């Protein structure tokens, strides 16, 4: 009878140990997943910052190009007026 109780106790202890080990491993895996996700978020934020910096630079360049285009269009219009005036003078 005592041998049976000892065997049952050993079996219960091994089942409890297995359950506790499973729960600890599961919790550790969950923590590792969280750490991995946090690292990915940090990487994505860094990439996002670089993209934003690039977008800002491209917008500045675009504004400069638009200003240059407007100036060139104005100069072209002025030259067209001069050519037209020159044609009118020759007539």
N, C-alpha and C. Protein backbone atom coordinates (compact mmCIF):
# COMPACT_ATOMS: atom_id res chain seq x y z
N UNK A 1 0.82 -1.18 0.00
CA UNK A 1 0.00 0.00 0.00
C UNK A 1 0.87 1.26 0.00
N UNK A 2 1.86 1.32 0.85
CA UNK A 2 2.76 2.47 0.91
C UNK A 2 3.53 2.59 -0.39
N UNK A 3 3.94 1.45 -0.94
CA UNK A 3 4.65 1.47 -2.22
C UNK A 3 3.78 2.06 -3.32
N UNK A 4 2.50 1.74 -3.28
CA UNK A 4 1.58 2.29 -4.26
C UNK A 4 1.42 3.80 -4.08
N UNK A 5 1.35 4.25 -2.82
CA UNK A 5 1.24 5.69 -2.55
C UNK A 5 2.51 6.42 -3.00
N UNK A 6 3.65 5.81 -2.77
CA UNK A 6 4.92 6.43 -3.18
C UNK A 6 4.97 6.48 -4.71
N UNK A 7 4.57 5.41 -5.38
CA UNK A 7 4.56 5.39 -6.84
C UNK A 7 3.58 6.43 -7.37
N UNK A 8 2.40 6.52 -6.74
CA UNK A 8 1.40 7.52 -7.15
C UNK A 8 1.93 8.93 -6.91
N UNK A 9 2.59 9.14 -5.78
CA UNK A 9 3.18 10.44 -5.47
C UNK A 9 4.25 10.81 -6.49
N UNK A 10 5.09 9.83 -6.85
CA UNK A 10 6.12 10.09 -7.87
C UNK A 10 5.51 10.44 -9.20
N UNK A 11 4.43 9.74 -9.55
CA UNK A 11 3.73 10.02 -10.80
C UNK A 11 3.12 11.41 -10.78
N UNK A 12 2.49 11.78 -9.66
CA UNK A 12 1.87 13.11 -9.53
C UNK A 12 2.94 14.19 -9.62
N UNK A 13 4.07 13.98 -8.96
CA UNK A 13 5.16 14.96 -9.01
C UNK A 13 5.67 15.11 -10.44
N UNK A 14 5.81 14.02 -11.16
CA UNK A 14 6.31 14.12 -12.54
C UNK A 14 5.31 14.84 -13.44
N UNK A 15 4.01 14.59 -13.23
CA UNK A 15 2.99 15.29 -14.01
C UNK A 15 3.02 16.78 -13.70
N UNK A 16 3.09 17.12 -12.43
CA UNK A 16 3.13 18.54 -12.03
C UNK A 16 4.40 19.19 -12.58
N UNK A 17 5.53 18.51 -12.52
CA UNK A 17 6.79 19.05 -13.04
C UNK A 17 6.68 19.28 -14.54
N UNK A 18 6.07 18.35 -15.25
CA UNK A 18 5.89 18.49 -16.69
C UNK A 18 5.02 19.70 -17.01
N UNK A 19 3.93 19.85 -16.27
CA UNK A 19 3.03 20.99 -16.49
C UNK A 19 3.74 22.30 -16.21
N UNK A 20 4.46 22.37 -15.11
CA UNK A 20 5.17 23.61 -14.75
C UNK A 20 6.24 23.92 -15.81
N UNK A 21 6.97 22.91 -16.24
CA UNK A 21 8.01 23.11 -17.26
C UNK A 21 7.38 23.63 -18.56
N UNK A 22 6.25 23.04 -18.95
CA UNK A 22 5.55 23.48 -20.15
C UNK A 22 5.12 24.94 -20.02
N UNK A 23 4.56 25.29 -18.86
CA UNK A 23 4.07 26.67 -18.64
C UNK A 23 5.23 27.67 -18.67
N UNK A 24 6.35 27.32 -18.04
CA UNK A 24 7.51 28.21 -18.03
C UNK A 24 8.06 28.38 -19.44
N UNK A 25 8.18 27.27 -20.17
CA UNK A 25 8.70 27.34 -21.54
C UNK A 25 7.77 28.17 -22.42
N UNK A 26 6.47 27.99 -22.25
CA UNK A 26 5.49 28.76 -23.03
C UNK A 26 5.61 30.25 -22.71
N UNK A 27 5.76 30.58 -21.44
CA UNK A 27 5.90 31.98 -21.04
C UNK A 27 7.19 32.57 -21.62
N UNK A 28 8.27 31.78 -21.57
CA UNK A 28 9.55 32.26 -22.10
C UNK A 28 9.45 32.47 -23.61
N UNK A 29 8.78 31.55 -24.31
CA UNK A 29 8.58 31.69 -25.75
C UNK A 29 7.78 32.94 -26.06
N UNK A 30 6.76 33.18 -25.25
CA UNK A 30 5.93 34.37 -25.43
C UNK A 30 6.76 35.64 -25.22
N UNK A 31 7.61 35.63 -24.18
CA UNK A 31 8.48 36.79 -23.94
C UNK A 31 9.45 36.99 -25.10
N UNK A 32 9.99 35.89 -25.64
CA UNK A 32 10.90 36.00 -26.78
C UNK A 32 10.18 36.57 -28.00
N UNK A 33 8.94 36.14 -28.21
CA UNK A 33 8.16 36.68 -29.32
C UNK A 33 7.95 38.18 -29.16
N UNK A 34 7.69 38.61 -27.95
CA UNK A 34 7.49 40.04 -27.69
C UNK A 34 8.78 40.80 -27.97
N UNK A 35 9.90 40.27 -27.54
CA UNK A 35 11.19 40.92 -27.79
C UNK A 35 11.46 41.01 -29.29
N UNK A 36 11.19 39.94 -30.01
CA UNK A 36 11.40 39.95 -31.47
C UNK A 36 10.50 40.98 -32.13
N UNK A 37 9.24 41.05 -31.71
CA UNK A 37 8.33 42.04 -32.28
C UNK A 37 8.79 43.46 -31.96
N UNK A 38 9.28 43.69 -30.76
CA UNK A 38 9.78 45.02 -30.40
C UNK A 38 10.98 45.39 -31.26
N UNK A 39 11.87 44.43 -31.50
CA UNK A 39 13.04 44.70 -32.36
C UNK A 39 12.59 45.04 -33.77
N UNK A 40 11.59 44.32 -34.28
CA UNK A 40 11.08 44.61 -35.62
C UNK A 40 10.46 46.00 -35.68
N UNK A 41 9.73 46.37 -34.63
CA UNK A 41 9.12 47.70 -34.58
C UNK A 41 10.20 48.77 -34.61
N UNK A 42 11.26 48.58 -33.83
CA UNK A 42 12.36 49.55 -33.81
C UNK A 42 12.99 49.65 -35.20
N UNK A 43 13.21 48.51 -35.86
CA UNK A 43 13.77 48.53 -37.22
C UNK A 43 12.85 49.27 -38.19
N UNK A 44 11.55 48.99 -38.09
CA UNK A 44 10.59 49.66 -38.98
C UNK A 44 10.55 51.16 -38.72
N UNK A 45 10.63 51.56 -37.47
CA UNK A 45 10.64 52.99 -37.15
C UNK A 45 11.88 53.66 -37.72
N UNK A 46 13.02 52.99 -37.64
CA UNK A 46 14.25 53.55 -38.19
C UNK A 46 14.13 53.71 -39.71
N UNK A 47 13.58 52.68 -40.38
CA UNK A 47 13.38 52.78 -41.82
C UNK A 47 12.40 53.89 -42.16
N UNK A 48 11.36 54.00 -41.36
CA UNK A 48 10.36 55.05 -41.58
C UNK A 48 11.00 56.43 -41.45
N UNK A 49 11.87 56.60 -40.46
CA UNK A 49 12.57 57.88 -40.31
C UNK A 49 13.41 58.21 -41.53
N UNK A 50 14.11 57.19 -42.06
CA UNK A 50 14.92 57.41 -43.26
C UNK A 50 14.04 57.79 -44.45
N UNK A 51 12.90 57.11 -44.59
CA UNK A 51 11.98 57.44 -45.68
C UNK A 51 11.46 58.87 -45.54
N UNK A 52 11.12 59.27 -44.33
CA UNK A 52 10.62 60.62 -44.11
C UNK A 52 11.70 61.64 -44.46
N UNK A 53 12.94 61.39 -44.05
CA UNK A 53 14.04 62.30 -44.39
C UNK A 53 14.19 62.40 -45.91
N UNK A 54 14.10 61.26 -46.59
CA UNK A 54 14.24 61.26 -48.05
C UNK A 54 13.08 62.02 -48.70
N UNK A 55 11.88 61.84 -48.18
CA UNK A 55 10.71 62.55 -48.72
C UNK A 55 10.88 64.05 -48.53
N UNK A 56 11.35 64.47 -47.37
CA UNK A 56 11.56 65.90 -47.12
C UNK A 56 12.57 66.46 -48.12
N UNK A 57 13.67 65.73 -48.34
CA UNK A 57 14.68 66.19 -49.30
C UNK A 57 14.10 66.26 -50.72
N UNK A 58 13.33 65.26 -51.09
CA UNK A 58 12.74 65.27 -52.43
C UNK A 58 11.74 66.41 -52.59
N UNK A 59 11.00 66.72 -51.55
CA UNK A 59 10.06 67.85 -51.63
C UNK A 59 10.80 69.18 -51.76
N UNK A 60 11.92 69.30 -51.05
CA UNK A 60 12.72 70.53 -51.19
C UNK A 60 13.23 70.65 -52.62
N UNK A 61 13.75 69.54 -53.14
CA UNK A 61 14.26 69.55 -54.52
C UNK A 61 13.13 69.86 -55.50
N UNK A 62 11.97 69.29 -55.27
CA UNK A 62 10.82 69.54 -56.13
C UNK A 62 10.42 71.02 -56.10
N UNK A 63 10.43 71.61 -54.92
CA UNK A 63 10.10 73.04 -54.81
C UNK A 63 11.11 73.89 -55.57
N UNK A 64 12.38 73.54 -55.45
CA UNK A 64 13.42 74.27 -56.18
C UNK A 64 13.22 74.13 -57.69
N UNK A 65 12.94 72.91 -58.13
CA UNK A 65 12.72 72.69 -59.56
C UNK A 65 11.49 73.44 -60.07
N UNK A 66 10.44 73.48 -59.27
CA UNK A 66 9.25 74.22 -59.67
C UNK A 66 9.54 75.71 -59.78
N UNK A 67 10.32 76.22 -58.83
CA UNK A 67 10.69 77.64 -58.87
C UNK A 67 11.53 77.93 -60.11
N UNK A 68 12.48 77.04 -60.41
CA UNK A 68 13.32 77.21 -61.60
C UNK A 68 12.47 77.13 -62.87
N UNK A 69 11.51 76.22 -62.90
CA UNK A 69 10.63 76.09 -64.04
C UNK A 69 9.80 77.36 -64.24
N UNK A 70 9.28 77.90 -63.15
CA UNK A 70 8.49 79.14 -63.26
C UNK A 70 9.36 80.27 -63.79
N UNK A 71 10.59 80.36 -63.32
CA UNK A 71 11.50 81.40 -63.79
C UNK A 71 11.81 81.20 -65.28
N UNK A 72 12.05 79.95 -65.68
CA UNK A 72 12.35 79.68 -67.08
C UNK A 72 11.13 79.97 -67.97
N UNK A 73 9.94 79.67 -67.49
CA UNK A 73 8.73 79.97 -68.26
C UNK A 73 8.56 81.48 -68.43
N UNK A 74 8.85 82.21 -67.38
CA UNK A 74 8.76 83.67 -67.46
C UNK A 74 9.78 84.21 -68.45
N UNK A 75 11.00 83.68 -68.41
CA UNK A 75 12.03 84.11 -69.36
C UNK A 75 11.63 83.74 -70.79
N UNK A 76 11.06 82.57 -70.98
CA UNK A 76 10.61 82.14 -72.30
C UNK A 76 9.51 83.06 -72.81
N UNK A 77 8.57 83.40 -71.94
CA UNK A 77 7.51 84.33 -72.34
C UNK A 77 8.08 85.69 -72.73
N UNK A 78 9.07 86.14 -71.97
CA UNK A 78 9.69 87.43 -72.28
C UNK A 78 10.38 87.36 -73.65
N UNK A 79 11.10 86.27 -73.92
CA UNK A 79 11.76 86.11 -75.21
C UNK A 79 10.75 86.03 -76.34
N UNK A 80 9.63 85.37 -76.12
CA UNK A 80 8.59 85.30 -77.14
C UNK A 80 8.03 86.69 -77.45
N UNK A 81 7.84 87.47 -76.39
CA UNK A 81 7.34 88.84 -76.59
C UNK A 81 8.36 89.66 -77.39
N UNK A 82 9.63 89.49 -77.08
CA UNK A 82 10.67 90.22 -77.81
C UNK A 82 10.70 89.82 -79.28
N UNK A 83 10.60 88.49 -79.51
CA UNK A 83 10.59 88.02 -80.90
C UNK A 83 9.37 88.60 -81.62
N UNK A 84 8.22 88.58 -80.97
CA UNK A 84 7.00 89.12 -81.57
C UNK A 84 7.16 90.62 -81.84
N UNK A 85 7.75 91.34 -80.90
CA UNK A 85 7.98 92.78 -81.09
C UNK A 85 8.93 92.99 -82.27
N UNK A 86 9.97 92.17 -82.34
CA UNK A 86 10.95 92.28 -83.42
C UNK A 86 10.27 92.01 -84.77
N UNK A 87 9.38 91.03 -84.81
CA UNK A 87 8.65 90.74 -86.06
C UNK A 87 7.76 91.90 -86.42
N UNK A 88 7.14 92.50 -85.43
CA UNK A 88 6.24 93.63 -85.69
C UNK A 88 7.02 94.84 -86.19
N UNK A 89 8.24 95.03 -85.69
CA UNK A 89 9.05 96.16 -86.13
C UNK A 89 9.47 95.98 -87.59
N UNK A 90 9.76 94.77 -88.01
CA UNK A 90 10.21 94.49 -89.37
C UNK A 90 9.08 94.67 -90.38
N UNK A 91 7.85 94.56 -89.98
CA UNK A 91 6.74 94.64 -90.92
C UNK A 91 6.51 96.00 -91.40
